[in-house]
């Protein structure tokens, strides 16, 4: 069994300025001596930041492990807000939890209120209790 449950976010980056756009990037880089490096995300207080693995003492063990099934959505929201500029763009399953849908939750609330109040329509609710006529 792996030491962690979840996914590790890694971005594979190729640093070269004059890539010609051909389909054979590996052959191009073999000729041009491109520099390959891996980026990862780490916690930075309550935020996340991108780091280069192997630089400034960062290792693969420092990289943030994402669990799409975690009940707290704090990290999920941070990943969803990454826009590809300051932080890489997160793709894939960000959150996968068992929870009622919005529609199911609203329907359940309506049924609970109807059961507690005994009204089946707005008309029944308006005509219930004390009423009076304004002349």
N, C-alpha and C. Protein backbone atom coordinates (compact mmCIF):
# COMPACT_ATOMS: atom_id res chain seq x y z
N UNK A 1 0.85 -1.18 0.00
CA UNK A 1 0.00 0.00 0.00
C UNK A 1 0.89 1.24 0.00
N UNK A 2 0.53 2.28 -0.78
CA UNK A 2 1.35 3.48 -0.83
C UNK A 2 1.35 4.21 0.51
N UNK A 3 2.36 5.05 0.71
CA UNK A 3 2.49 5.81 1.96
C UNK A 3 1.41 6.87 2.09
N UNK A 4 0.78 7.27 1.00
CA UNK A 4 -0.27 8.29 1.06
C UNK A 4 -1.45 7.86 0.20
N UNK A 5 -2.61 8.39 0.53
CA UNK A 5 -3.82 8.18 -0.27
C UNK A 5 -4.15 9.50 -0.94
N UNK A 6 -4.34 9.51 -2.23
CA UNK A 6 -4.66 10.73 -2.95
C UNK A 6 -3.72 10.91 -4.12
N UNK A 7 -3.73 12.10 -4.68
CA UNK A 7 -2.92 12.40 -5.84
C UNK A 7 -1.92 13.48 -5.52
N UNK A 8 -0.78 13.41 -6.15
CA UNK A 8 0.24 14.44 -6.01
C UNK A 8 0.18 15.28 -7.27
N UNK A 9 0.18 16.58 -7.10
CA UNK A 9 0.16 17.45 -8.28
C UNK A 9 1.59 17.70 -8.73
N UNK A 10 1.91 17.30 -9.92
CA UNK A 10 3.22 17.57 -10.52
C UNK A 10 3.00 18.16 -11.89
N UNK A 11 3.79 19.15 -12.22
CA UNK A 11 3.75 19.73 -13.55
C UNK A 11 5.11 19.52 -14.18
N UNK A 12 5.12 18.95 -15.37
CA UNK A 12 6.35 18.71 -16.10
C UNK A 12 6.59 19.91 -17.00
N UNK A 13 7.71 20.56 -16.82
CA UNK A 13 8.00 21.79 -17.55
C UNK A 13 9.26 21.62 -18.37
N UNK A 14 9.23 22.10 -19.60
CA UNK A 14 10.41 22.10 -20.46
C UNK A 14 10.80 23.56 -20.65
N UNK A 15 12.03 23.87 -20.32
CA UNK A 15 12.51 25.25 -20.42
C UNK A 15 13.35 25.40 -21.68
N UNK A 16 12.77 25.91 -22.73
CA UNK A 16 13.52 26.20 -23.94
C UNK A 16 12.86 27.37 -24.65
N UNK A 17 13.66 28.19 -25.26
CA UNK A 17 13.16 29.42 -25.85
C UNK A 17 12.84 29.30 -27.32
N UNK A 18 13.52 28.45 -28.04
CA UNK A 18 13.40 28.46 -29.49
C UNK A 18 12.75 27.20 -30.04
N UNK A 19 11.89 26.57 -29.27
CA UNK A 19 11.25 25.33 -29.75
C UNK A 19 10.46 25.64 -31.02
N UNK A 20 10.64 24.81 -32.03
CA UNK A 20 10.06 25.08 -33.34
C UNK A 20 8.62 24.58 -33.49
N UNK A 21 8.04 23.99 -32.46
CA UNK A 21 6.66 23.54 -32.52
C UNK A 21 6.48 22.18 -33.16
N UNK A 22 7.55 21.48 -33.49
CA UNK A 22 7.42 20.17 -34.12
C UNK A 22 6.86 19.16 -33.13
N UNK A 23 6.38 18.04 -33.67
CA UNK A 23 5.80 17.00 -32.82
C UNK A 23 6.86 16.22 -32.05
N UNK A 24 8.09 16.30 -32.45
CA UNK A 24 9.14 15.52 -31.84
C UNK A 24 9.97 16.39 -30.88
N UNK A 25 9.35 16.75 -29.76
CA UNK A 25 10.02 17.63 -28.80
C UNK A 25 11.25 16.96 -28.19
N UNK A 26 11.20 15.64 -27.96
CA UNK A 26 12.33 14.98 -27.32
C UNK A 26 13.56 15.00 -28.22
N UNK A 27 13.38 14.82 -29.51
CA UNK A 27 14.52 14.90 -30.44
C UNK A 27 15.05 16.32 -30.50
N UNK A 28 14.15 17.30 -30.51
CA UNK A 28 14.57 18.70 -30.54
C UNK A 28 15.40 19.02 -29.29
N UNK A 29 14.91 18.57 -28.13
CA UNK A 29 15.61 18.87 -26.89
C UNK A 29 16.94 18.13 -26.78
N UNK A 30 17.03 16.95 -27.36
CA UNK A 30 18.31 16.23 -27.36
C UNK A 30 19.36 17.04 -28.11
N UNK A 31 18.96 17.68 -29.19
CA UNK A 31 19.89 18.50 -29.97
C UNK A 31 20.19 19.83 -29.28
N UNK A 32 19.21 20.42 -28.65
CA UNK A 32 19.34 21.77 -28.10
C UNK A 32 19.69 21.80 -26.61
N UNK A 33 19.78 20.65 -25.98
CA UNK A 33 20.09 20.54 -24.55
C UNK A 33 19.08 21.32 -23.70
N UNK A 34 17.83 20.99 -23.87
CA UNK A 34 16.78 21.63 -23.09
C UNK A 34 16.90 21.19 -21.63
N UNK A 35 16.40 22.02 -20.75
CA UNK A 35 16.42 21.74 -19.32
C UNK A 35 15.02 21.29 -18.91
N UNK A 36 14.91 20.09 -18.34
CA UNK A 36 13.64 19.56 -17.87
C UNK A 36 13.60 19.70 -16.36
N UNK A 37 12.44 20.10 -15.83
CA UNK A 37 12.30 20.13 -14.38
C UNK A 37 10.84 19.89 -14.01
N UNK A 38 10.63 19.52 -12.76
CA UNK A 38 9.29 19.21 -12.26
C UNK A 38 8.87 20.28 -11.27
N UNK A 39 7.61 20.70 -11.41
CA UNK A 39 7.02 21.65 -10.48
C UNK A 39 6.05 20.91 -9.58
N UNK A 40 5.89 21.39 -8.37
CA UNK A 40 4.92 20.81 -7.46
C UNK A 40 4.27 21.91 -6.65
N UNK A 41 3.26 21.57 -5.88
CA UNK A 41 2.61 22.52 -4.99
C UNK A 41 2.92 22.15 -3.56
N UNK A 42 3.16 23.16 -2.74
CA UNK A 42 3.38 22.97 -1.31
C UNK A 42 2.50 23.96 -0.56
N UNK A 43 2.24 23.67 0.71
CA UNK A 43 1.49 24.61 1.55
C UNK A 43 2.39 25.79 1.90
N UNK A 44 1.80 26.97 1.88
CA UNK A 44 2.49 28.19 2.27
C UNK A 44 1.54 28.93 3.20
N UNK A 45 1.57 28.57 4.49
CA UNK A 45 0.57 29.09 5.42
C UNK A 45 -0.78 28.47 5.08
N UNK A 46 -1.78 29.33 4.83
CA UNK A 46 -3.09 28.84 4.42
C UNK A 46 -3.22 28.75 2.91
N UNK A 47 -2.19 29.13 2.18
CA UNK A 47 -2.23 29.12 0.72
C UNK A 47 -1.37 27.99 0.18
N UNK A 48 -1.33 27.87 -1.13
CA UNK A 48 -0.42 26.94 -1.78
C UNK A 48 0.50 27.75 -2.68
N UNK A 49 1.69 27.22 -2.92
CA UNK A 49 2.60 27.88 -3.85
C UNK A 49 3.29 26.83 -4.70
N UNK A 50 3.72 27.25 -5.87
CA UNK A 50 4.42 26.36 -6.79
C UNK A 50 5.90 26.37 -6.47
N UNK A 51 6.51 25.20 -6.49
CA UNK A 51 7.95 25.08 -6.24
C UNK A 51 8.56 24.21 -7.34
N UNK A 52 9.85 24.31 -7.49
CA UNK A 52 10.58 23.43 -8.41
C UNK A 52 11.26 22.36 -7.57
N UNK A 53 10.92 21.12 -7.84
CA UNK A 53 11.49 20.01 -7.09
C UNK A 53 12.98 19.91 -7.41
N UNK A 54 13.79 19.81 -6.36
CA UNK A 54 15.23 19.72 -6.53
C UNK A 54 15.92 21.08 -6.41
N UNK A 55 15.15 22.15 -6.29
CA UNK A 55 15.71 23.49 -6.17
C UNK A 55 15.36 24.03 -4.78
N UNK A 56 16.28 24.74 -4.19
CA UNK A 56 16.08 25.36 -2.87
C UNK A 56 15.73 24.33 -1.80
N UNK A 57 16.18 23.10 -1.95
CA UNK A 57 15.95 22.07 -0.94
C UNK A 57 14.61 21.37 -1.02
N UNK A 58 13.76 21.70 -2.00
CA UNK A 58 12.46 21.04 -2.13
C UNK A 58 12.63 19.64 -2.69
N UNK A 59 11.91 18.68 -2.11
CA UNK A 59 11.93 17.30 -2.58
C UNK A 59 10.51 16.84 -2.89
N UNK A 60 10.40 15.68 -3.49
CA UNK A 60 9.08 15.12 -3.80
C UNK A 60 8.27 14.89 -2.54
N UNK A 61 8.94 14.66 -1.41
CA UNK A 61 8.24 14.45 -0.13
C UNK A 61 7.57 15.71 0.39
N UNK A 62 8.00 16.88 -0.09
CA UNK A 62 7.40 18.15 0.33
C UNK A 62 6.12 18.47 -0.43
N UNK A 63 5.91 17.82 -1.57
CA UNK A 63 4.80 18.16 -2.45
C UNK A 63 3.47 17.80 -1.80
N UNK A 64 2.52 18.69 -1.96
CA UNK A 64 1.18 18.55 -1.40
C UNK A 64 0.48 17.33 -1.99
N UNK A 65 -0.17 16.56 -1.13
CA UNK A 65 -0.96 15.40 -1.56
C UNK A 65 -2.42 15.80 -1.50
N UNK A 66 -3.10 15.67 -2.62
CA UNK A 66 -4.49 16.07 -2.74
C UNK A 66 -5.38 14.85 -2.63
N UNK A 67 -6.39 14.93 -1.75
CA UNK A 67 -7.36 13.85 -1.60
C UNK A 67 -8.72 14.38 -2.04
N UNK A 68 -9.19 13.95 -3.18
CA UNK A 68 -10.46 14.44 -3.73
C UNK A 68 -11.65 14.02 -2.86
N UNK A 69 -11.46 13.05 -1.97
CA UNK A 69 -12.56 12.54 -1.15
C UNK A 69 -12.59 13.16 0.25
N UNK A 70 -11.71 14.11 0.54
CA UNK A 70 -11.70 14.76 1.85
C UNK A 70 -12.99 15.54 2.06
N UNK A 71 -13.54 15.49 3.28
CA UNK A 71 -14.81 16.16 3.53
C UNK A 71 -14.66 17.69 3.54
N UNK A 72 -13.53 18.20 3.97
CA UNK A 72 -13.30 19.64 3.96
C UNK A 72 -13.02 20.09 2.53
N UNK A 73 -13.64 21.19 2.12
CA UNK A 73 -13.45 21.66 0.76
C UNK A 73 -12.44 22.80 0.65
N UNK A 74 -11.70 23.08 1.72
CA UNK A 74 -10.77 24.21 1.73
C UNK A 74 -9.70 24.08 0.64
N UNK A 75 -9.00 22.96 0.59
CA UNK A 75 -7.97 22.76 -0.43
C UNK A 75 -8.60 22.63 -1.81
N UNK A 76 -9.76 21.99 -1.89
CA UNK A 76 -10.43 21.84 -3.19
C UNK A 76 -10.72 23.21 -3.80
N UNK A 77 -11.17 24.14 -2.98
CA UNK A 77 -11.46 25.49 -3.49
C UNK A 77 -10.19 26.18 -3.96
N UNK A 78 -9.10 26.00 -3.23
CA UNK A 78 -7.83 26.61 -3.64
C UNK A 78 -7.38 26.05 -4.99
N UNK A 79 -7.50 24.75 -5.17
CA UNK A 79 -7.10 24.14 -6.44
C UNK A 79 -8.00 24.62 -7.58
N UNK A 80 -9.29 24.73 -7.31
CA UNK A 80 -10.22 25.17 -8.35
C UNK A 80 -9.96 26.62 -8.77
N UNK A 81 -9.43 27.43 -7.89
CA UNK A 81 -9.19 28.85 -8.20
C UNK A 81 -7.86 29.09 -8.90
N UNK A 82 -7.02 28.09 -9.04
CA UNK A 82 -5.74 28.28 -9.73
C UNK A 82 -6.03 28.54 -11.20
N UNK A 83 -5.47 29.63 -11.73
CA UNK A 83 -5.86 30.08 -13.07
C UNK A 83 -4.81 29.85 -14.15
N UNK A 84 -3.69 29.27 -13.81
CA UNK A 84 -2.67 29.01 -14.82
C UNK A 84 -1.68 30.15 -14.99
N UNK A 85 -1.82 31.22 -14.22
CA UNK A 85 -0.89 32.34 -14.32
C UNK A 85 0.13 32.28 -13.18
N UNK A 86 -0.31 32.65 -11.98
CA UNK A 86 0.59 32.59 -10.82
C UNK A 86 0.81 31.17 -10.35
N UNK A 87 -0.20 30.36 -10.48
CA UNK A 87 -0.14 28.94 -10.13
C UNK A 87 -0.58 28.14 -11.34
N UNK A 88 -0.13 26.90 -11.47
CA UNK A 88 -0.56 26.09 -12.62
C UNK A 88 -2.06 25.84 -12.60
N UNK A 89 -2.60 25.53 -13.73
CA UNK A 89 -4.02 25.23 -13.86
C UNK A 89 -4.27 23.79 -13.43
N UNK A 90 -5.13 23.61 -12.44
CA UNK A 90 -5.46 22.25 -11.96
C UNK A 90 -6.50 21.64 -12.89
N UNK A 91 -6.23 20.44 -13.37
CA UNK A 91 -7.19 19.73 -14.22
C UNK A 91 -7.44 18.36 -13.62
N UNK A 92 -8.58 17.81 -13.91
CA UNK A 92 -8.91 16.50 -13.39
C UNK A 92 -9.96 16.61 -12.29
N UNK A 93 -10.11 15.56 -11.51
CA UNK A 93 -11.10 15.52 -10.44
C UNK A 93 -10.54 16.27 -9.24
N UNK A 94 -11.16 17.39 -8.91
CA UNK A 94 -10.71 18.18 -7.77
C UNK A 94 -11.45 17.75 -6.51
N UNK A 95 -12.74 17.48 -6.62
CA UNK A 95 -13.51 17.07 -5.45
C UNK A 95 -14.49 15.98 -5.84
N UNK A 96 -14.53 14.92 -5.05
CA UNK A 96 -15.43 13.80 -5.29
C UNK A 96 -15.89 13.27 -3.95
N UNK A 97 -16.99 13.84 -3.43
CA UNK A 97 -17.51 13.43 -2.12
C UNK A 97 -18.96 13.03 -2.25
N UNK A 98 -19.40 12.19 -1.33
CA UNK A 98 -20.80 11.80 -1.27
C UNK A 98 -21.55 12.88 -0.51
N UNK A 99 -22.43 13.59 -1.19
CA UNK A 99 -23.22 14.64 -0.57
C UNK A 99 -24.49 14.82 -1.38
N UNK A 100 -25.55 15.30 -0.72
CA UNK A 100 -26.79 15.52 -1.48
C UNK A 100 -26.60 16.66 -2.48
N UNK A 101 -27.31 16.57 -3.59
CA UNK A 101 -27.27 17.66 -4.55
C UNK A 101 -28.05 18.84 -4.00
N UNK A 102 -27.87 19.99 -4.59
CA UNK A 102 -28.60 21.18 -4.15
C UNK A 102 -30.11 20.94 -4.25
N UNK A 103 -30.56 20.40 -5.37
CA UNK A 103 -32.00 20.15 -5.56
C UNK A 103 -32.55 19.20 -4.51
N UNK A 104 -31.79 18.13 -4.21
CA UNK A 104 -32.25 17.19 -3.18
C UNK A 104 -32.34 17.86 -1.82
N UNK A 105 -31.37 18.71 -1.51
CA UNK A 105 -31.38 19.42 -0.22
C UNK A 105 -32.57 20.36 -0.09
N UNK A 106 -32.87 21.11 -1.15
CA UNK A 106 -34.01 22.02 -1.12
C UNK A 106 -35.31 21.24 -1.02
N UNK A 107 -35.44 20.18 -1.80
CA UNK A 107 -36.66 19.36 -1.75
C UNK A 107 -36.88 18.78 -0.36
N UNK A 108 -35.80 18.34 0.28
CA UNK A 108 -35.92 17.79 1.63
C UNK A 108 -36.37 18.86 2.62
N UNK A 109 -35.83 20.06 2.50
CA UNK A 109 -36.25 21.15 3.38
C UNK A 109 -37.73 21.49 3.20
N UNK A 110 -38.19 21.53 1.96
CA UNK A 110 -39.59 21.84 1.69
C UNK A 110 -40.49 20.76 2.31
N UNK A 111 -40.12 19.50 2.14
CA UNK A 111 -40.93 18.41 2.71
C UNK A 111 -40.95 18.48 4.23
N UNK A 112 -39.83 18.81 4.86
CA UNK A 112 -39.78 18.91 6.33
C UNK A 112 -40.69 20.03 6.83
N UNK A 113 -40.69 21.17 6.15
CA UNK A 113 -41.54 22.29 6.56
C UNK A 113 -43.00 21.94 6.33
N UNK A 114 -43.31 21.32 5.20
CA UNK A 114 -44.70 20.92 4.94
C UNK A 114 -45.20 19.96 6.01
N UNK A 115 -44.37 19.00 6.40
CA UNK A 115 -44.76 18.03 7.42
C UNK A 115 -44.97 18.70 8.78
N UNK A 116 -44.12 19.64 9.10
CA UNK A 116 -44.19 20.31 10.40
C UNK A 116 -45.36 21.28 10.45
N UNK A 117 -45.62 22.02 9.38
CA UNK A 117 -46.66 23.04 9.37
C UNK A 117 -48.02 22.50 8.94
N UNK A 118 -48.04 21.42 8.17
CA UNK A 118 -49.31 20.84 7.74
C UNK A 118 -49.92 21.53 6.53
N UNK A 119 -49.21 22.40 5.87
CA UNK A 119 -49.74 23.08 4.68
C UNK A 119 -49.31 22.32 3.43
N UNK A 120 -50.23 22.25 2.48
CA UNK A 120 -49.89 21.62 1.21
C UNK A 120 -49.82 22.65 0.08
N UNK A 121 -50.30 23.88 0.36
CA UNK A 121 -50.25 24.92 -0.66
C UNK A 121 -50.12 26.29 0.01
N UNK A 122 -49.79 27.29 -0.78
CA UNK A 122 -49.69 28.65 -0.27
C UNK A 122 -51.07 29.14 0.18
N UNK A 123 -52.10 28.76 -0.55
CA UNK A 123 -53.47 29.16 -0.19
C UNK A 123 -53.83 28.64 1.19
N UNK A 124 -53.53 27.37 1.47
CA UNK A 124 -53.81 26.80 2.78
C UNK A 124 -53.09 27.56 3.88
N UNK A 125 -51.87 27.96 3.62
CA UNK A 125 -51.10 28.70 4.62
C UNK A 125 -51.71 30.07 4.88
N UNK A 126 -52.12 30.77 3.81
CA UNK A 126 -52.69 32.11 3.97
C UNK A 126 -54.03 32.05 4.70
N UNK A 127 -54.84 31.05 4.42
CA UNK A 127 -56.16 30.96 5.03
C UNK A 127 -56.14 30.30 6.42
N UNK A 128 -55.01 29.81 6.85
CA UNK A 128 -54.92 29.18 8.17
C UNK A 128 -54.84 30.25 9.25
N UNK A 129 -55.33 29.93 10.43
CA UNK A 129 -55.19 30.84 11.57
C UNK A 129 -56.16 32.00 11.49
N UNK A 130 -55.81 33.08 12.18
CA UNK A 130 -56.68 34.25 12.25
C UNK A 130 -56.61 35.04 10.95
N UNK A 131 -57.77 35.37 10.41
CA UNK A 131 -57.85 36.23 9.22
C UNK A 131 -58.84 37.34 9.52
N UNK A 132 -58.75 38.42 8.80
CA UNK A 132 -59.68 39.53 8.97
C UNK A 132 -59.88 40.23 7.63
N UNK A 133 -60.90 41.01 7.58
CA UNK A 133 -61.24 41.75 6.38
C UNK A 133 -61.00 43.23 6.61
N UNK A 134 -60.30 43.85 5.72
CA UNK A 134 -60.07 45.29 5.82
C UNK A 134 -61.13 45.98 4.97
N UNK A 135 -61.89 46.91 5.58
CA UNK A 135 -62.94 47.60 4.84
C UNK A 135 -62.61 49.06 4.66
